[in-house]
Every structure is written in structure tokens, then in C-alpha cells.
Amino acid sequence: MVTLIDEEKDKKKSTMVSKPLFSLLLLTVALVVFQTGTLVNAEDSEPSSSTRKPLVKIVKGKKLCDKGWECKGWSEYCCNHTISDFFETYQFENLFSKRNSPVAHAVGFWDYRSFITAAAEYQPLGFGTAGEKLQGMKEVAAFLGHVGSKTSCGYGVATGGPLAWGLCYNKEMSPDQLYCDDYYKLTYPCTPGVSYHGRGALPVYWNYNYGQTGEALKVDLLSHPEYLENNATLAFQAAIWRWMTPPKKHLPSAHDVFVGKWKPTKNDTAAKRTPGFGATINVLYGDQICNSGFDNDEMNNIVSHYLYYLDLIGVGREEAGPHEKLSCADQEPFSSSSSAPPSSGSSS
């Protein structure tokens, strides 16, 4: 048993460094400084994400990489820049600078770490990694542009401007219904007393959407939809899964139409559907927003967030492309919606 007196003796011993030994230590430190020009902090010596070399292997002539926690799973996309290489904490804070203001409705909920943790699950599939660094930055801005517009409590004269208030909400504040569709009672039955109103970064509505999202994420959202308002990482995961997943068979995902993975058919061309940011609005919201002209406030709000975020992360809105690719004003919808959620998102 070590007594308090023994501990005091040990402390004295540990501080009793002989003069020759002390001189030797000083000489060693001086030599390190002379050779390197600086004292290296142990934390600083750890490689950053931008300098960390991925594990590489060749499979059937194709180069595959694994980059640890942020891009794990042997993917060709992990060989590219990963999101934390070009999108850092300060940029997240700039994009969502008002989210923790006293008047916001999800103070302390959303943070950078939750987004990066969620994104790590989808980077091996190409989220933010499908192409060069610029392409990755644009996709992150595009995805977060949708998120910001759907979770904003900004308005015309709000402090910082209306575009600075993304991630103000994590749920619909005053739902006027339970969003339970009995048509899906055999596949996604509603849990008695549970409300399926909007929750999350790209708000999820209706029992069948909670059911499908929960199946994909392996979480029982049908019984516990509140998980999306209690866990920011899960809320971001649900949103990125929606971004990466085609809404129906034979349709592209928002990711596909943005990064150029989708090739329009003759029918698409006739319907004025072209790859770009406007097509992401079409995939996610279809006839709720698209093909209604250039005066659609909801569409213009999403576009404005995207352009604003491009500026803030250092890309610049000039990289967004021509105006006709930014909106879906004259695009025929990919599909019609049934039991559609309110287009105003979680701020209603």
C-alpha cells in the first residue's frame, strides 16, 4: 500500500535530476532544435488527414484505397481527397454561423464532428470523393445547401442575413398531423401514438420514409422517429443516405446527377432534365418544386444557399455553372409525389 508520505517521497525523487544528467538533456534538446529548426509538439507530429497516406492495393487492375476512419472499405474513391482534407471546422462554422444563437431552435445539437462522422460512411461510395478536390468541395456545398435551406429560420432582416441561419432546426416545431399513411400499414405500419413529422438535416416525413430510412441505416426509426432529433450524426447519415440513394428504381440519385454519373436519355433531354444542381432539386422534390417557373421561392432559396456556401468555403459561385443548370424551373419532374411533405421543411 502506498501512503501519502510515500507519494511525497516519490515526487521528491522524480524532481531530483543530477546536474550532469540535466546538462545532457539540455544538450539533446539543443541538438534537436539545431537540426530541425523547431521544437516538435507530439500532437503536431501526427500526420494530418491531408498528408496521411492511404493503404493501397490493386484488384483486377483497379487501384483501391483505405484511408482509415474517414474512408474505410477499400474503394477507388478513398484514393482521392477526402472531405476533411478540404472542409474543416472553421468552414462549417462559417456556413452555419447562427445555428447556436439564443433564438435558434436546436442550440448545441449540430456540429462539425457529427457531419464528418456521418460522411465517413458514404465517402467510400463517392460522397465528396467522386473526382478532384474541386468536385468534392462543390458536392459538399450542394448537399449542405439543401440542408441549410431546409433547416433555416432566417428571414429577410435576420442578423447576418437570411442565409446564415441553416441548421436552426432539427425538427418540425408545430406539426398539424401525424403523417401516418395507412396505405403502407402492411410494410411500414404506424406505431400507435407516434408522429412522423419532419425531423433531421433533410427532414424525413411520413411513416414509409422513416421505415425505408431506418432499414437502410439499421435503426428502428419506425418505432422511434425521435432518434433523428436526438442524434446529430444519425440525422446527417439519414440525409446523406437520401442524397446518395435513388428515390425509385430506374431513377438517379441526387449524387449521381450532380457529379455527372447520370447520363440523360432522349426523354430526359426532351423534358429539359440535365445534370447539375437543378437536377438535385428535381430528384429530391420533383413536382413539389420543379417545372413551376423561375419565381418559385422554395427553389430559389435552395439555389441561394448553394451559391452562398460555395463562396464561404472558398470555391466561389462562378464555379456553379450556367443558371439553367442551377434550377429546375423548366424541368419536368422525374416523378410525381404522393403524400408529399410540406415544401417548407422543418421550419414550419
Protein backbone atom coordinates (compact mmCIF):
# COMPACT_ATOMS: atom_id res chain seq x y z
CA MET A 1 0.00 0.00 0.00
CA VAL A 2 1.35 3.40 -0.97
CA THR A 3 0.87 6.02 1.71
CA LEU A 4 0.63 9.76 1.22
CA ILE A 5 4.16 10.05 2.68
CA ASP A 6 5.47 7.53 0.13
CA GLU A 7 3.89 9.57 -2.66
CA GLU A 8 5.63 12.71 -1.42
CA LYS A 9 8.97 10.89 -1.38
CA ASP A 10 8.42 9.70 -4.93
CA LYS A 11 7.66 13.27 -6.01
CA LYS A 12 10.92 14.50 -4.49
CA LYS A 13 12.87 11.69 -6.18
CA SER A 14 11.34 12.49 -9.53
CA THR A 15 12.41 16.12 -9.27
CA MET A 16 15.95 15.34 -8.14
CA VAL A 17 17.76 15.30 -11.51
CA SER A 18 21.52 15.39 -11.20
CA LYS A 19 23.31 18.34 -12.78
CA PRO A 20 25.24 16.19 -15.30
CA LEU A 21 22.02 14.49 -16.40
CA PHE A 22 20.24 17.85 -16.65
CA SER A 23 23.07 19.22 -18.80
CA LEU A 24 22.84 16.19 -21.06
CA LEU A 25 19.11 16.76 -21.52
CA LEU A 26 19.67 20.40 -22.45
CA LEU A 27 22.32 19.38 -24.97
CA THR A 28 19.97 16.85 -26.55
CA VAL A 29 17.16 19.43 -26.86
CA ALA A 30 19.54 21.98 -28.34
CA LEU A 31 20.72 19.44 -30.91
CA VAL A 32 17.12 18.72 -31.96
CA VAL A 33 16.40 22.43 -32.33
CA PHE A 34 19.57 22.95 -34.34
CA GLN A 35 18.79 20.11 -36.72
CA THR A 36 15.08 20.77 -37.24
CA GLY A 37 14.81 24.47 -36.58
CA THR A 38 11.87 23.96 -34.21
CA LEU A 39 10.63 22.04 -31.22
CA VAL A 40 8.12 19.44 -32.41
CA ASN A 41 4.99 19.00 -30.33
CA ALA A 42 3.98 15.34 -30.00
CA GLU A 43 0.49 16.17 -31.29
CA ASP A 44 1.90 18.13 -34.21
CA SER A 45 3.97 15.15 -35.28
CA GLU A 46 0.80 13.19 -36.09
CA PRO A 47 0.07 13.27 -39.83
CA SER A 48 -2.94 15.36 -40.80
CA SER A 49 -5.70 13.95 -42.97
CA SER A 50 -4.26 15.81 -45.96
CA THR A 51 -0.83 14.17 -45.54
CA ARG A 52 -1.92 10.74 -44.33
CA LYS A 53 -1.10 8.16 -46.97
CA PRO A 54 -3.90 5.69 -47.66
CA LEU A 55 -3.40 1.95 -47.74
CA VAL A 56 -3.36 0.86 -51.37
CA LYS A 57 -3.94 -2.41 -53.18
CA ILE A 58 -4.59 -3.38 -56.78
CA VAL A 59 -7.61 -5.59 -57.50
CA LYS A 60 -8.22 -6.72 -61.09
CA GLY A 61 -6.10 -3.85 -62.35
CA LYS A 62 -8.03 -1.26 -60.34
CA LYS A 63 -6.42 0.83 -57.60
CA LEU A 64 -8.33 0.66 -54.31
CA CYS A 65 -7.55 2.59 -51.12
CA ASP A 66 -8.46 2.60 -47.45
CA LYS A 67 -7.96 5.85 -45.53
CA GLY A 68 -8.86 4.84 -42.01
CA TRP A 69 -11.97 6.06 -40.21
CA GLU A 70 -12.82 8.75 -42.76
CA CYS A 71 -12.88 6.49 -45.83
CA LYS A 72 -12.84 2.86 -44.81
CA GLY A 73 -13.75 -0.04 -47.04
CA TRP A 74 -11.27 -0.42 -49.95
CA SER A 75 -12.71 1.91 -52.54
CA GLU A 76 -11.33 3.74 -55.55
CA TYR A 77 -12.89 6.91 -54.12
CA CYS A 78 -10.76 6.65 -50.97
CA CYS A 79 -7.71 7.26 -53.18
CA ASN A 80 -8.98 10.81 -53.79
CA HIS A 81 -9.18 13.78 -51.43
CA THR A 82 -11.48 13.04 -48.52
CA ILE A 83 -13.86 15.62 -47.08
CA SER A 84 -11.81 16.61 -44.03
CA ASP A 85 -8.91 17.39 -46.39
CA PHE A 86 -10.78 20.37 -47.81
CA PHE A 87 -13.67 21.08 -45.44
CA GLU A 88 -12.58 21.98 -41.92
CA THR A 89 -14.24 23.02 -38.68
CA TYR A 90 -13.93 26.76 -39.33
CA GLN A 91 -15.69 26.39 -42.69
CA PHE A 92 -18.58 24.50 -41.09
CA GLU A 93 -18.82 27.28 -38.50
CA ASN A 94 -18.86 29.92 -41.25
CA LEU A 95 -21.65 28.18 -43.12
CA PHE A 96 -23.84 27.75 -40.05
CA SER A 97 -22.74 30.74 -38.01
CA LYS A 98 -26.12 31.42 -36.37
CA ARG A 99 -27.18 27.88 -35.52
CA ASN A 100 -26.35 28.27 -31.82
CA SER A 101 -27.81 31.74 -31.39
CA PRO A 102 -30.21 32.01 -28.44
CA VAL A 103 -33.20 32.33 -30.77
CA ALA A 104 -32.32 29.15 -32.72
CA HIS A 105 -34.33 26.00 -32.06
CA ALA A 106 -31.58 23.35 -31.98
CA VAL A 107 -28.86 25.06 -29.95
CA GLY A 108 -25.91 22.76 -29.27
CA PHE A 109 -27.24 19.94 -31.46
CA TRP A 110 -25.45 20.22 -34.80
CA ASP A 111 -21.65 20.17 -35.07
CA TYR A 112 -18.80 19.50 -37.49
CA ARG A 113 -17.76 16.22 -35.90
CA SER A 114 -21.24 14.76 -36.37
CA PHE A 115 -21.20 15.68 -40.06
CA ILE A 116 -17.74 14.21 -40.70
CA THR A 117 -18.59 11.04 -38.78
CA ALA A 118 -21.75 10.60 -40.84
CA ALA A 119 -19.99 11.42 -44.12
CA ALA A 120 -17.32 8.80 -43.41
CA GLU A 121 -19.89 6.08 -44.07
CA TYR A 122 -20.53 7.35 -47.59
CA GLN A 123 -17.14 8.60 -48.77
CA PRO A 124 -16.17 5.09 -50.00
CA LEU A 125 -19.31 5.33 -52.18
CA GLY A 126 -18.23 8.65 -53.67
CA PHE A 127 -19.81 11.26 -51.40
CA GLY A 128 -17.41 14.20 -51.63
CA THR A 129 -14.77 11.92 -53.15
CA ALA A 130 -16.01 11.35 -56.72
CA GLY A 131 -13.38 13.29 -58.61
CA GLU A 132 -10.87 16.00 -57.92
CA LYS A 133 -10.81 18.27 -54.87
CA LEU A 134 -12.91 20.98 -56.55
CA GLN A 135 -15.64 18.48 -57.39
CA GLY A 136 -15.68 17.28 -53.78
CA MET A 137 -15.96 20.81 -52.42
CA LYS A 138 -18.83 21.57 -54.78
CA GLU A 139 -20.72 18.44 -53.78
CA VAL A 140 -20.35 19.21 -50.06
CA ALA A 141 -21.61 22.75 -50.72
CA ALA A 142 -24.50 21.38 -52.80
CA PHE A 143 -25.58 18.85 -50.17
CA LEU A 144 -25.27 21.36 -47.33
CA GLY A 145 -27.08 23.96 -49.46
CA HIS A 146 -30.11 21.69 -49.39
CA VAL A 147 -29.65 21.07 -45.67
CA GLY A 148 -29.26 24.75 -44.87
CA SER A 149 -32.36 25.78 -46.80
CA LYS A 150 -34.49 23.07 -45.16
CA THR A 151 -33.39 23.80 -41.59
CA SER A 152 -33.18 27.59 -41.72
CA CYS A 153 -35.01 30.06 -39.54
CA GLY A 154 -33.54 33.02 -41.40
CA TYR A 155 -35.64 35.79 -42.86
CA GLY A 156 -35.01 38.96 -44.80
CA VAL A 157 -33.74 41.20 -41.99
CA ALA A 158 -32.28 38.47 -39.74
CA THR A 159 -28.89 39.24 -38.19
CA GLY A 160 -26.20 38.04 -40.57
CA GLY A 161 -28.71 37.77 -43.39
CA PRO A 162 -31.27 35.06 -44.18
CA LEU A 163 -28.66 32.58 -45.44
CA ALA A 164 -26.66 32.44 -42.20
CA TRP A 165 -29.32 30.54 -40.25
CA GLY A 166 -29.04 26.99 -41.57
CA LEU A 167 -29.29 24.15 -39.01
CA CYS A 168 -31.52 26.34 -36.86
CA TYR A 169 -34.00 23.45 -36.57
CA ASN A 170 -33.71 19.69 -36.14
CA LYS A 171 -37.46 19.02 -36.22
CA GLU A 172 -40.77 20.49 -37.31
CA MET A 173 -41.91 22.74 -34.48
CA SER A 174 -45.69 22.69 -34.83
CA PRO A 175 -46.86 19.62 -36.75
CA ASP A 176 -50.54 19.67 -37.59
CA GLN A 177 -50.84 15.94 -38.33
CA LEU A 178 -49.17 12.60 -37.55
CA TYR A 179 -48.07 11.89 -41.16
CA CYS A 180 -49.29 8.30 -40.95
CA ASP A 181 -50.29 6.79 -44.30
CA ASP A 182 -52.35 3.62 -43.81
CA TYR A 183 -51.66 2.57 -47.38
CA TYR A 184 -48.36 1.25 -46.04
CA LYS A 185 -49.86 -0.45 -42.98
CA LEU A 186 -48.54 -3.87 -44.03
CA THR A 187 -44.99 -2.80 -44.88
CA TYR A 188 -44.44 0.23 -42.63
CA PRO A 189 -47.21 0.20 -40.02
CA CYS A 190 -47.50 3.29 -37.87
CA THR A 191 -46.64 2.89 -34.21
CA PRO A 192 -49.65 3.96 -32.12
CA GLY A 193 -49.30 7.48 -30.78
CA VAL A 194 -46.13 8.20 -32.76
CA SER A 195 -45.84 11.26 -35.02
CA TYR A 196 -43.88 11.06 -38.25
CA HIS A 197 -43.44 14.79 -38.73
CA GLY A 198 -40.28 16.31 -40.16
CA ARG A 199 -37.00 15.57 -38.39
CA GLY A 200 -33.35 15.66 -39.37
CA ALA A 201 -30.99 17.52 -41.68
CA LEU A 202 -33.09 16.81 -44.78
CA PRO A 203 -36.34 16.42 -42.86
CA VAL A 204 -37.93 12.99 -43.05
CA TYR A 205 -41.74 12.86 -43.20
CA TRP A 206 -44.28 10.01 -43.24
CA ASN A 207 -44.14 6.52 -41.79
CA TYR A 208 -42.95 4.86 -45.01
CA ASN A 209 -40.00 7.24 -45.32
CA TYR A 210 -39.00 6.63 -41.72
CA GLY A 211 -39.35 2.90 -42.36
CA GLN A 212 -37.19 2.90 -45.50
CA THR A 213 -34.55 5.16 -43.94
CA GLY A 214 -34.44 3.05 -40.80
CA GLU A 215 -33.97 -0.14 -42.82
CA ALA A 216 -31.04 1.41 -44.69
CA LEU A 217 -29.37 2.70 -41.51
CA LYS A 218 -30.28 -0.41 -39.47
CA VAL A 219 -32.11 1.69 -36.88
CA ASP A 220 -35.74 1.26 -35.86
CA LEU A 221 -36.95 4.70 -36.91
CA LEU A 222 -40.47 3.43 -37.46
CA SER A 223 -40.86 2.85 -33.72
CA HIS A 224 -38.53 5.65 -32.68
CA PRO A 225 -38.54 8.52 -35.20
CA GLU A 226 -37.35 10.79 -32.40
CA TYR A 227 -33.86 9.32 -32.82
CA LEU A 228 -33.35 11.79 -35.67
CA GLU A 229 -33.84 14.74 -33.34
CA ASN A 230 -31.72 13.21 -30.57
CA ASN A 231 -28.60 12.19 -32.52
CA ALA A 232 -26.94 14.64 -34.93
CA THR A 233 -24.72 12.01 -36.55
CA LEU A 234 -27.75 9.84 -37.30
CA ALA A 235 -29.62 12.87 -38.63
CA PHE A 236 -26.76 13.64 -41.03
CA GLN A 237 -26.49 9.97 -42.01
CA ALA A 238 -30.17 9.87 -42.93
CA ALA A 239 -29.74 12.98 -45.07
CA ILE A 240 -26.62 11.71 -46.85
CA TRP A 241 -28.28 8.34 -47.45
CA ARG A 242 -31.16 10.17 -49.14
CA TRP A 243 -28.68 12.20 -51.22
CA MET A 244 -26.86 9.05 -52.33
CA THR A 245 -29.90 6.83 -52.96
CA PRO A 246 -32.23 6.87 -55.99
CA PRO A 247 -35.79 7.61 -54.83
CA LYS A 248 -37.17 4.91 -57.12
CA LYS A 249 -35.91 2.22 -59.44
CA HIS A 250 -34.64 3.47 -62.80
CA LEU A 251 -34.12 6.98 -61.38
CA PRO A 252 -30.76 8.56 -60.49
CA SER A 253 -29.76 9.80 -57.07
CA ALA A 254 -29.06 13.45 -56.27
CA HIS A 255 -25.39 12.47 -56.03
CA ASP A 256 -25.48 10.87 -59.48
CA VAL A 257 -26.99 13.89 -61.23
CA PHE A 258 -24.60 16.28 -59.51
CA VAL A 259 -21.26 14.54 -60.10
CA GLY A 260 -22.09 13.55 -63.69
CA LYS A 261 -22.56 9.84 -63.06
CA TRP A 262 -26.04 10.05 -64.61
CA LYS A 263 -26.37 10.25 -68.40
CA PRO A 264 -29.69 11.74 -69.60
CA THR A 265 -31.77 9.74 -72.06
CA LYS A 266 -33.57 11.27 -75.03
CA ASN A 267 -36.68 11.51 -72.87
CA ASP A 268 -34.70 13.37 -70.20
CA THR A 269 -33.36 15.80 -72.76
CA ALA A 270 -36.86 16.41 -74.11
CA ALA A 271 -38.01 17.05 -70.54
CA LYS A 272 -35.12 19.54 -70.11
CA ARG A 273 -33.56 17.45 -67.35
CA THR A 274 -29.79 17.98 -67.41
CA PRO A 275 -27.00 17.10 -64.94
CA GLY A 276 -26.25 19.76 -62.35
CA PHE A 277 -27.53 21.31 -59.16
CA GLY A 278 -31.01 21.93 -60.58
CA ALA A 279 -31.42 18.21 -61.16
CA THR A 280 -30.67 17.52 -57.47
CA ILE A 281 -33.72 19.62 -56.59
CA ASN A 282 -35.71 17.60 -59.11
CA VAL A 283 -34.60 14.24 -57.65
CA LEU A 284 -35.28 15.28 -54.05
CA TYR A 285 -38.53 17.23 -54.51
CA GLY A 286 -39.88 16.61 -58.01
CA ASP A 287 -43.24 18.17 -58.75
CA GLN A 288 -43.38 19.88 -55.36
CA ILE A 289 -40.94 22.48 -56.71
CA CYS A 290 -39.88 21.85 -60.30
CA ASN A 291 -41.39 22.92 -63.61
CA SER A 292 -43.10 25.88 -61.96
CA GLY A 293 -41.06 28.73 -63.41
CA PHE A 294 -38.26 30.88 -62.04
CA ASP A 295 -40.39 32.62 -59.42
CA ASN A 296 -40.63 29.60 -57.11
CA ASP A 297 -39.39 30.90 -53.74
CA GLU A 298 -38.58 27.47 -52.37
CA MET A 299 -36.39 26.60 -55.36
CA ASN A 300 -34.66 29.97 -55.32
CA ASN A 301 -33.96 29.64 -51.60
CA ILE A 302 -32.19 26.31 -52.14
CA VAL A 303 -30.14 27.76 -55.02
CA SER A 304 -29.22 30.84 -52.96
CA HIS A 305 -27.91 28.66 -50.10
CA TYR A 306 -25.78 26.66 -52.53
CA LEU A 307 -24.21 29.78 -54.07
CA TYR A 308 -23.66 31.33 -50.63
CA TYR A 309 -21.94 28.19 -49.37
CA LEU A 310 -19.72 27.98 -52.47
CA ASP A 311 -18.47 31.47 -51.65
CA LEU A 312 -17.89 30.71 -47.98
CA ILE A 313 -15.90 27.51 -48.46
CA GLY A 314 -13.59 29.21 -50.95
CA VAL A 315 -14.83 27.84 -54.27
CA GLY A 316 -16.83 30.83 -55.47
CA ARG A 317 -20.27 30.90 -57.07
CA GLU A 318 -18.76 31.36 -60.50
CA GLU A 319 -17.99 27.61 -60.36
CA ALA A 320 -21.70 26.78 -60.08
CA GLY A 321 -22.24 26.78 -63.83
CA PRO A 322 -24.87 28.45 -66.01
CA HIS A 323 -28.17 29.49 -64.47
CA GLU A 324 -30.20 26.94 -66.42
CA LYS A 325 -28.30 24.15 -64.65
CA LEU A 326 -28.77 25.70 -61.21
CA SER A 327 -32.54 25.48 -61.09
CA CYS A 328 -35.27 23.08 -62.16
CA ALA A 329 -37.62 25.89 -63.17
CA ASP A 330 -38.45 24.36 -66.54
CA GLN A 331 -37.50 20.73 -65.87
CA GLU A 332 -40.29 18.19 -65.95
CA PRO A 333 -40.26 16.24 -62.66
CA PHE A 334 -38.53 12.86 -62.59
CA SER A 335 -41.61 11.54 -60.81
CA SER A 336 -44.76 12.78 -59.14
CA SER A 337 -45.02 12.71 -55.36
CA SER A 338 -47.72 11.24 -53.18
CA SER A 339 -48.24 12.07 -49.51
CA ALA A 340 -45.68 14.82 -50.03
CA PRO A 341 -44.29 16.68 -47.02
CA PRO A 342 -44.66 20.44 -46.82
CA SER A 343 -42.06 22.05 -49.04
CA SER A 344 -41.11 24.44 -46.28
CA GLY A 345 -39.25 21.70 -44.41
CA SER A 346 -38.81 21.59 -40.65
CA SER A 347 -39.18 25.30 -40.04
CA SER A 348 -42.96 25.23 -40.26
